[in-house]
Amino acid sequence: MQIENAVALVTGANGGIGKHYTETLLALGATRIYAGARKISSLDDLVAIDPDRIIPVALDITDETTVEAAALQCSDVNLLINNAGIGLLKGFISAPNLSAARSEMEVNYFGTLAMCRAFAPVLKANGGGAVINMLSILGRVNFPMNASYSASKGAGYILTQGVRAELAAQNTLVIGVMPATVDTPVSQDFPPPKVAPETVVQAALQAVVDGVEDVYPGEQAETMAAQLLSDPKGLEKAMAAMLPQPA
């Protein structure tokens, strides 16, 4: 599949990585980019870049009514980019309650699943196309400082494998993108190394062209992915040293 002339939908388009997805899709010649966000007014500056090709969509991926409405509105999509997500920096035991864990799972797992379910028939009708799920290397190994986020991204990793299996027969490529720390405002207090959002987006879109299913953009993610193969317990122990602060 080529990005040129593609019709894409980007969830969480008002965020750091989502904005880069939209701008890169424009530069690569996508015919139309639907930019999804809960508050459509938050997309004004993005849409202003090219109002003819960037179409704002009111979309809360945790609300199946708006998900279904988006599938009807964006019936020509052949590239779905599930970028919307949250991370609330809570541990499992140290968190004061389960609200962060529930919110992360609702967005990062159930929201992504709802989007895949709603757009699977759309993609099929348009020749198969591709799905990009923005995951994290922390879905492969737990990071205690952001433990429940890791769990939600782990659920997203397994979700991606299962959706890939179910949609293979309709010729839909399903890609999991697993960066480590991305250099966005959300991670401004995290120590380096950080991968540029542009690098993440470029790697993900190149995977669409090349038919690659698992993407680890950036040196940190590549190193951790290699260690998961060579010394998974060592990586787990190294990550376990970074504990959350007491509530």
C-alpha atoms as a PDB file:
ATOM      1  CA  MET A   1       0.000   0.000   0.000  1.00  0.00           C
ATOM      2  CA  GLN A   2       1.217   3.516  -0.785  1.00  0.00           C
ATOM      3  CA  ILE A   3       0.610   6.610   1.320  1.00  0.00           C
ATOM      4  CA  GLU A   4       0.146   8.740  -1.769  1.00  0.00           C
ATOM      5  CA  ASN A   5      -3.575   8.960  -2.569  1.00  0.00           C
ATOM      6  CA  ALA A   6      -4.491   7.175   0.672  1.00  0.00           C
ATOM      7  CA  VAL A   7      -7.472   8.291   2.748  1.00  0.00           C
ATOM      8  CA  ALA A   8      -6.514   8.229   6.428  1.00  0.00           C
ATOM      9  CA  LEU A   9      -8.152   8.737   9.804  1.00  0.00           C
ATOM     10  CA  VAL A  10      -5.918   9.806  12.697  1.00  0.00           C
ATOM     11  CA  THR A  11      -7.342   9.571  16.213  1.00  0.00           C
ATOM     12  CA  GLY A  12      -5.963  11.941  18.828  1.00  0.00           C
ATOM     13  CA  ALA A  13      -4.940  14.234  15.973  1.00  0.00           C
ATOM     14  CA  ASN A  14      -4.732  17.271  18.249  1.00  0.00           C
ATOM     15  CA  GLY A  15      -1.833  15.744  20.223  1.00  0.00           C
ATOM     16  CA  GLY A  16       1.891  15.795  19.521  1.00  0.00           C
ATOM     17  CA  ILE A  17       2.251  12.573  17.559  1.00  0.00           C
ATOM     18  CA  GLY A  18      -1.189  12.923  15.965  1.00  0.00           C
ATOM     19  CA  LYS A  19      -0.287  16.334  14.570  1.00  0.00           C
ATOM     20  CA  HIS A  20       2.912  14.890  13.095  1.00  0.00           C
ATOM     21  CA  TYR A  21       0.933  12.040  11.516  1.00  0.00           C
ATOM     22  CA  THR A  22      -1.416  14.514   9.856  1.00  0.00           C
ATOM     23  CA  GLU A  23       1.361  16.770   8.564  1.00  0.00           C
ATOM     24  CA  THR A  24       3.414  13.835   7.265  1.00  0.00           C
ATOM     25  CA  LEU A  25       0.424  12.291   5.508  1.00  0.00           C
ATOM     26  CA  LEU A  26      -0.132  15.637   3.797  1.00  0.00           C
ATOM     27  CA  ALA A  27       3.495  15.831   2.706  1.00  0.00           C
ATOM     28  CA  LEU A  28       3.385  12.278   1.327  1.00  0.00           C
ATOM     29  CA  GLY A  29       0.360  12.999  -0.829  1.00  0.00           C
ATOM     30  CA  ALA A  30      -2.575  11.495   1.039  1.00  0.00           C
ATOM     31  CA  THR A  31      -5.819  12.492  -0.667  1.00  0.00           C
ATOM     32  CA  ARG A  32      -7.714  13.163   2.548  1.00  0.00           C
ATOM     33  CA  ILE A  33      -6.920  13.031   6.255  1.00  0.00           C
ATOM     34  CA  TYR A  34      -9.731  12.849   8.772  1.00  0.00           C
ATOM     35  CA  ALA A  35      -8.419  14.364  12.012  1.00  0.00           C
ATOM     36  CA  GLY A  36     -10.238  13.013  15.056  1.00  0.00           C
ATOM     37  CA  ALA A  37     -10.424  14.604  18.501  1.00  0.00           C
ATOM     38  CA  ARG A  38     -12.906  14.802  21.359  1.00  0.00           C
ATOM     39  CA  LYS A  39     -13.113  18.593  21.071  1.00  0.00           C
ATOM     40  CA  ILE A  40     -13.377  19.524  17.424  1.00  0.00           C
ATOM     41  CA  SER A  41     -12.319  23.116  18.184  1.00  0.00           C
ATOM     42  CA  SER A  42      -8.897  21.801  19.245  1.00  0.00           C
ATOM     43  CA  LEU A  43      -8.287  20.916  15.592  1.00  0.00           C
ATOM     44  CA  ASP A  44      -8.737  24.450  14.194  1.00  0.00           C
ATOM     45  CA  ASP A  45      -5.031  25.203  13.755  1.00  0.00           C
ATOM     46  CA  LEU A  46      -4.363  21.804  12.217  1.00  0.00           C
ATOM     47  CA  VAL A  47      -7.239  22.037   9.746  1.00  0.00           C
ATOM     48  CA  ALA A  48      -6.088  25.514   8.754  1.00  0.00           C
ATOM     49  CA  ILE A  49      -2.929  23.995   7.226  1.00  0.00           C
ATOM     50  CA  ASP A  50      -5.017  22.556   4.371  1.00  0.00           C
ATOM     51  CA  PRO A  51      -8.801  22.793   4.870  1.00  0.00           C
ATOM     52  CA  ASP A  52      -9.468  20.949   1.621  1.00  0.00           C
ATOM     53  CA  ARG A  53      -7.603  17.818   2.693  1.00  0.00           C
ATOM     54  CA  ILE A  54      -7.804  17.846   6.508  1.00  0.00           C
ATOM     55  CA  ILE A  55     -11.343  17.121   7.691  1.00  0.00           C
ATOM     56  CA  PRO A  56     -12.116  17.530  11.416  1.00  0.00           C
ATOM     57  CA  VAL A  57     -14.084  14.745  13.073  1.00  0.00           C
ATOM     58  CA  ALA A  58     -15.616  14.845  16.557  1.00  0.00           C
ATOM     59  CA  LEU A  59     -14.450  11.535  17.965  1.00  0.00           C
ATOM     60  CA  ASP A  60     -14.175  10.148  21.491  1.00  0.00           C
ATOM     61  CA  ILE A  61     -12.893   6.591  21.090  1.00  0.00           C
ATOM     62  CA  THR A  62     -14.398   5.607  24.457  1.00  0.00           C
ATOM     63  CA  ASP A  63     -17.885   6.552  23.201  1.00  0.00           C
ATOM     64  CA  GLU A  64     -19.125   3.927  20.759  1.00  0.00           C
ATOM     65  CA  THR A  65     -21.812   6.294  19.465  1.00  0.00           C
ATOM     66  CA  THR A  66     -19.195   8.740  18.155  1.00  0.00           C
ATOM     67  CA  VAL A  67     -17.037   5.843  16.925  1.00  0.00           C
ATOM     68  CA  GLU A  68     -19.930   4.482  14.868  1.00  0.00           C
ATOM     69  CA  ALA A  69     -20.740   7.980  13.581  1.00  0.00           C
ATOM     70  CA  ALA A  70     -17.117   8.408  12.501  1.00  0.00           C
ATOM     71  CA  ALA A  71     -17.226   5.119  10.598  1.00  0.00           C
ATOM     72  CA  LEU A  72     -20.249   6.399   8.676  1.00  0.00           C
ATOM     73  CA  GLN A  73     -18.729   9.819   8.034  1.00  0.00           C
ATOM     74  CA  CYS A  74     -15.320   8.429   7.013  1.00  0.00           C
ATOM     75  CA  SER A  75     -16.524   5.595   4.803  1.00  0.00           C
ATOM     76  CA  ASP A  76     -13.709   6.085   2.266  1.00  0.00           C
ATOM     77  CA  VAL A  77     -10.867   5.425   4.748  1.00  0.00           C
ATOM     78  CA  ASN A  78      -8.236   2.848   3.824  1.00  0.00           C
ATOM     79  CA  LEU A  79      -5.673   3.769   6.500  1.00  0.00           C
ATOM     80  CA  LEU A  80      -6.756   3.834  10.147  1.00  0.00           C
ATOM     81  CA  ILE A  81      -4.239   5.267  12.617  1.00  0.00           C
ATOM     82  CA  ASN A  82      -5.198   4.506  16.217  1.00  0.00           C
ATOM     83  CA  ASN A  83      -3.057   7.159  17.868  1.00  0.00           C
ATOM     84  CA  ALA A  84      -5.265   8.358  20.746  1.00  0.00           C
ATOM     85  CA  GLY A  85      -4.007   7.223  24.139  1.00  0.00           C
ATOM     86  CA  ILE A  86      -3.322   8.269  27.716  1.00  0.00           C
ATOM     87  CA  GLY A  87      -0.656   7.560  30.337  1.00  0.00           C
ATOM     88  CA  LEU A  88      -1.242   8.663  33.915  1.00  0.00           C
ATOM     89  CA  LEU A  89       2.050   7.701  35.615  1.00  0.00           C
ATOM     90  CA  LYS A  90       0.619   5.461  38.320  1.00  0.00           C
ATOM     91  CA  GLY A  91       1.879   2.258  39.866  1.00  0.00           C
ATOM     92  CA  PHE A  92      -0.255  -0.757  40.614  1.00  0.00           C
ATOM     93  CA  ILE A  93      -0.038  -0.791  44.425  1.00  0.00           C
ATOM     94  CA  SER A  94       1.073   2.783  45.107  1.00  0.00           C
ATOM     95  CA  ALA A  95      -1.834   4.354  43.182  1.00  0.00           C
ATOM     96  CA  PRO A  96      -4.497   5.719  45.541  1.00  0.00           C
ATOM     97  CA  ASN A  97      -7.257   3.849  43.672  1.00  0.00           C
ATOM     98  CA  LEU A  98      -8.034   2.121  40.381  1.00  0.00           C
ATOM     99  CA  SER A  99      -9.273   5.164  38.502  1.00  0.00           C
ATOM    100  CA  ALA A 100      -6.069   5.688  36.485  1.00  0.00           C
ATOM    101  CA  ALA A 101      -5.832   2.013  35.575  1.00  0.00           C
ATOM    102  CA  ARG A 102      -9.459   1.936  34.467  1.00  0.00           C
ATOM    103  CA  SER A 103      -9.085   5.117  32.390  1.00  0.00           C
ATOM    104  CA  GLU A 104      -5.941   3.859  30.659  1.00  0.00           C
ATOM    105  CA  MET A 105      -7.549   0.539  29.828  1.00  0.00           C
ATOM    106  CA  GLU A 106     -10.716   2.254  28.615  1.00  0.00           C
ATOM    107  CA  VAL A 107      -8.790   4.430  26.156  1.00  0.00           C
ATOM    108  CA  ASN A 108      -5.722   2.394  25.234  1.00  0.00           C
ATOM    109  CA  TYR A 109      -7.435  -0.994  24.980  1.00  0.00           C
ATOM    110  CA  PHE A 110     -11.213  -0.719  24.706  1.00  0.00           C
ATOM    111  CA  GLY A 111     -11.109   2.480  22.662  1.00  0.00           C
ATOM    112  CA  THR A 112      -8.631   1.021  20.191  1.00  0.00           C
ATOM    113  CA  LEU A 113     -10.687  -2.172  19.988  1.00  0.00           C
ATOM    114  CA  ALA A 114     -13.860  -0.171  19.296  1.00  0.00           C
ATOM    115  CA  MET A 115     -12.117   1.652  16.445  1.00  0.00           C
ATOM    116  CA  CYS A 116     -10.820  -1.584  14.922  1.00  0.00           C
ATOM    117  CA  ARG A 117     -14.268  -3.163  15.094  1.00  0.00           C
ATOM    118  CA  ALA A 118     -16.034  -0.146  13.590  1.00  0.00           C
ATOM    119  CA  PHE A 119     -13.563   0.345  10.740  1.00  0.00           C
ATOM    120  CA  ALA A 120     -12.844  -3.285   9.799  1.00  0.00           C
ATOM    121  CA  PRO A 121     -15.815  -3.367   7.368  1.00  0.00           C
ATOM    122  CA  VAL A 122     -14.891   0.089   6.041  1.00  0.00           C
ATOM    123  CA  LEU A 123     -11.370  -1.085   5.248  1.00  0.00           C
ATOM    124  CA  LYS A 124     -12.685  -4.275   3.686  1.00  0.00           C
ATOM    125  CA  ALA A 125     -15.022  -2.313   1.414  1.00  0.00           C
ATOM    126  CA  ASN A 126     -12.095  -0.147   0.332  1.00  0.00           C
ATOM    127  CA  GLY A 127      -9.773  -2.999  -0.616  1.00  0.00           C
ATOM    128  CA  GLY A 128      -8.247  -3.980   2.719  1.00  0.00           C
ATOM    129  CA  GLY A 129      -5.947  -1.103   3.575  1.00  0.00           C
ATOM    130  CA  ALA A 130      -4.043  -0.907   6.843  1.00  0.00           C
ATOM    131  CA  VAL A 131      -4.392  -0.234  10.554  1.00  0.00           C
ATOM    132  CA  ILE A 132      -1.631   1.375  12.624  1.00  0.00           C
ATOM    133  CA  ASN A 133      -1.960   0.879  16.385  1.00  0.00           C
ATOM    134  CA  MET A 134       0.243   3.189  18.429  1.00  0.00           C
ATOM    135  CA  LEU A 135       1.513   0.978  21.225  1.00  0.00           C
ATOM    136  CA  SER A 136       4.664   1.197  23.363  1.00  0.00           C
ATOM    137  CA  ILE A 137       7.686  -0.907  24.174  1.00  0.00           C
ATOM    138  CA  LEU A 138       6.302  -0.680  27.727  1.00  0.00           C
ATOM    139  CA  GLY A 139       3.571  -3.029  26.561  1.00  0.00           C
ATOM    140  CA  ARG A 140       6.292  -5.674  26.298  1.00  0.00           C
ATOM    141  CA  VAL A 141       7.932  -5.083  29.716  1.00  0.00           C
ATOM    142  CA  ASN A 142       6.455  -3.302  32.726  1.00  0.00           C
ATOM    143  CA  PHE A 143       7.702   0.112  33.800  1.00  0.00           C
ATOM    144  CA  PRO A 144       6.668   0.427  37.472  1.00  0.00           C
ATOM    145  CA  MET A 145       6.565   4.238  37.384  1.00  0.00           C
ATOM    146  CA  ASN A 146       3.840   3.933  34.728  1.00  0.00           C
ATOM    147  CA  ALA A 147       2.676   0.448  35.582  1.00  0.00           C
ATOM    148  CA  SER A 148      -1.000   0.516  34.673  1.00  0.00           C
ATOM    149  CA  TYR A 149      -0.180   2.290  31.409  1.00  0.00           C
ATOM    150  CA  SER A 150       2.191  -0.571  30.613  1.00  0.00           C
ATOM    151  CA  ALA A 151      -0.593  -3.037  31.301  1.00  0.00           C
ATOM    152  CA  SER A 152      -2.996  -1.203  28.988  1.00  0.00           C
ATOM    153  CA  LYS A 153      -0.395  -1.148  26.220  1.00  0.00           C
ATOM    154  CA  GLY A 154       0.288  -4.841  26.840  1.00  0.00           C
ATOM    155  CA  ALA A 155      -3.402  -5.442  26.267  1.00  0.00           C
ATOM    156  CA  GLY A 156      -3.107  -3.359  23.112  1.00  0.00           C
ATOM    157  CA  TYR A 157      -0.207  -5.502  21.928  1.00  0.00           C
ATOM    158  CA  ILE A 158      -2.246  -8.695  22.248  1.00  0.00           C
ATOM    159  CA  LEU A 159      -5.232  -6.910  20.689  1.00  0.00           C
ATOM    160  CA  THR A 160      -3.086  -6.004  17.695  1.00  0.00           C
ATOM    161  CA  GLN A 161      -2.031  -9.621  17.186  1.00  0.00           C
ATOM    162  CA  GLY A 162      -5.615 -10.841  17.378  1.00  0.00           C
ATOM    163  CA  VAL A 163      -7.029  -8.185  15.044  1.00  0.00           C
ATOM    164  CA  ARG A 164      -4.185  -8.939  12.623  1.00  0.00           C
ATOM    165  CA  ALA A 165      -5.193 -12.586  12.559  1.00  0.00           C
ATOM    166  CA  GLU A 166      -8.889 -11.843  12.041  1.00  0.00           C
ATOM    167  CA  LEU A 167      -8.363  -9.245   9.305  1.00  0.00           C
ATOM    168  CA  ALA A 168      -5.705 -11.076   7.301  1.00  0.00           C
ATOM    169  CA  ALA A 169      -8.333 -12.688   5.075  1.00  0.00           C
ATOM    170  CA  GLN A 170      -9.649  -9.262   4.004  1.00  0.00           C
ATOM    171  CA  ASN A 171      -6.110  -8.135   3.094  1.00  0.00           C
ATOM    172  CA  THR A 172      -5.835  -5.594   5.933  1.00  0.00           C
ATOM    173  CA  LEU A 173      -2.306  -5.031   7.234  1.00  0.00           C
ATOM    174  CA  VAL A 174      -2.280  -4.452  11.021  1.00  0.00           C
ATOM    175  CA  ILE A 175       0.821  -2.741  12.390  1.00  0.00           C
ATOM    176  CA  GLY A 176       1.942  -2.334  15.994  1.00  0.00           C
ATOM    177  CA  VAL A 177       4.239   0.650  16.599  1.00  0.00           C
ATOM    178  CA  MET A 178       6.253   0.348  19.814  1.00  0.00           C
ATOM    179  CA  PRO A 179       8.498   3.320  20.588  1.00  0.00           C
ATOM    180  CA  ALA A 180      10.130   3.951  23.939  1.00  0.00           C
ATOM    181  CA  THR A 181      10.137   7.556  25.229  1.00  0.00           C
ATOM    182  CA  VAL A 182       8.882   9.951  22.550  1.00  0.00           C
ATOM    183  CA  ASP A 183       9.968  13.591  22.725  1.00  0.00           C
ATOM    184  CA  THR A 184       6.588  15.242  23.240  1.00  0.00           C
ATOM    185  CA  PRO A 185       5.279  17.634  25.920  1.00  0.00           C
ATOM    186  CA  VAL A 186       3.863  14.648  27.829  1.00  0.00           C
ATOM    187  CA  SER A 187       7.391  13.280  28.377  1.00  0.00           C
ATOM    188  CA  GLN A 188       9.137  16.599  29.013  1.00  0.00           C
ATOM    189  CA  ASP A 189      10.176  15.527  32.531  1.00  0.00           C
ATOM    190  CA  PHE A 190      11.497  12.133  31.413  1.00  0.00           C
ATOM    191  CA  PRO A 191      15.270  11.681  31.033  1.00  0.00           C
ATOM    192  CA  PRO A 192      16.847  11.020  27.620  1.00  0.00           C
ATOM    193  CA  PRO A 193      17.183   9.217  25.313  1.00  0.00           C
ATOM    194  CA  LYS A 194      14.013  10.214  23.516  1.00  0.00           C
ATOM    195  CA  VAL A 195      12.931   9.512  19.959  1.00  0.00           C
ATOM    196  CA  ALA A 196      11.606  12.376  17.844  1.00  0.00           C
ATOM    197  CA  PRO A 197       7.900  12.083  16.998  1.00  0.00           C
ATOM    198  CA  GLU A 198       8.798  12.641  13.355  1.00  0.00           C
ATOM    199  CA  THR A 199      10.950   9.502  13.467  1.00  0.00           C
ATOM    200  CA  VAL A 200       8.101   7.469  14.955  1.00  0.00           C
ATOM    201  CA  VAL A 201       5.636   8.646  12.312  1.00  0.00           C
ATOM    202  CA  GLN A 202       8.036   8.105   9.424  1.00  0.00           C
ATOM    203  CA  ALA A 203       8.821   4.569  10.601  1.00  0.00           C
ATOM    204  CA  ALA A 204       5.138   3.729  11.007  1.00  0.00           C
ATOM    205  CA  LEU A 205       4.145   5.010   7.579  1.00  0.00           C
ATOM    206  CA  GLN A 206       7.112   3.297   5.946  1.00  0.00           C
ATOM    207  CA  ALA A 207       5.888   0.058   7.526  1.00  0.00           C
ATOM    208  CA  VAL A 208       2.607   0.512   5.650  1.00  0.00           C
ATOM    209  CA  VAL A 209       4.530   0.722   2.382  1.00  0.00           C
ATOM    210  CA  ASP A 210       6.860  -2.175   3.225  1.00  0.00           C
ATOM    211  CA  GLY A 211       4.248  -4.454   4.823  1.00  0.00           C
ATOM    212  CA  VAL A 212       6.055  -4.609   8.195  1.00  0.00           C
ATOM    213  CA  GLU A 213       3.887  -5.678  11.136  1.00  0.00           C
ATOM    214  CA  ASP A 214       5.995  -4.730  14.212  1.00  0.00           C
ATOM    215  CA  VAL A 215       7.864  -1.426  14.382  1.00  0.00           C
ATOM    216  CA  TYR A 216      10.330  -0.357  17.105  1.00  0.00           C
ATOM    217  CA  PRO A 217      11.250   3.231  16.175  1.00  0.00           C
ATOM    218  CA  GLY A 218      14.328   4.739  17.772  1.00  0.00           C
ATOM    219  CA  GLU A 219      17.507   3.323  19.271  1.00  0.00           C
ATOM    220  CA  GLN A 220      16.048   2.874  22.764  1.00  0.00           C
ATOM    221  CA  ALA A 221      13.102   0.802  21.533  1.00  0.00           C
ATOM    222  CA  GLU A 222      15.355  -1.259  19.246  1.00  0.00           C
ATOM    223  CA  THR A 223      17.740  -1.998  22.113  1.00  0.00           C
ATOM    224  CA  MET A 224      14.932  -2.993  24.477  1.00  0.00           C
ATOM    225  CA  ALA A 225      13.298  -5.194  21.815  1.00  0.00           C
ATOM    226  CA  ALA A 226      16.619  -6.990  21.299  1.00  0.00           C
ATOM    227  CA  GLN A 227      17.020  -7.472  25.048  1.00  0.00           C
ATOM    228  CA  LEU A 228      13.528  -8.946  25.272  1.00  0.00           C
ATOM    229  CA  LEU A 229      14.871 -11.721  23.033  1.00  0.00           C
ATOM    230  CA  SER A 230      18.315 -12.128  24.580  1.00  0.00           C
ATOM    231  CA  ASP A 231      17.737 -11.383  28.285  1.00  0.00           C
ATOM    232  CA  PRO A 232      14.089 -10.678  29.116  1.00  0.00           C
ATOM    233  CA  LYS A 233      14.515 -11.235  32.852  1.00  0.00           C
ATOM    234  CA  GLY A 234      17.476  -8.861  32.922  1.00  0.00           C
ATOM    235  CA  LEU A 235      15.393  -6.148  31.270  1.00  0.00           C
ATOM    236  CA  GLU A 236      12.536  -6.761  33.693  1.00  0.00           C
ATOM    237  CA  LYS A 237      14.888  -6.372  36.662  1.00  0.00           C
ATOM    238  CA  ALA A 238      16.410  -3.188  35.236  1.00  0.00           C
ATOM    239  CA  MET A 239      12.978  -1.652  34.754  1.00  0.00           C
ATOM    240  CA  ALA A 240      11.895  -2.798  38.231  1.00  0.00           C
ATOM    241  CA  ALA A 241      14.458  -0.469  39.777  1.00  0.00           C
ATOM    242  CA  MET A 242      12.415   2.552  38.641  1.00  0.00           C
ATOM    243  CA  LEU A 243       9.653   2.569  41.206  1.00  0.00           C
ATOM    244  CA  PRO A 244       6.768   5.038  41.491  1.00  0.00           C
ATOM    245  CA  GLN A 245       6.751   7.670  44.187  1.00  0.00           C
ATOM    246  CA  PRO A 246       4.455   6.954  47.159  1.00  0.00           C
ATOM    247  CA  ALA A 247       1.044   8.558  46.843  1.00  0.00           C
END
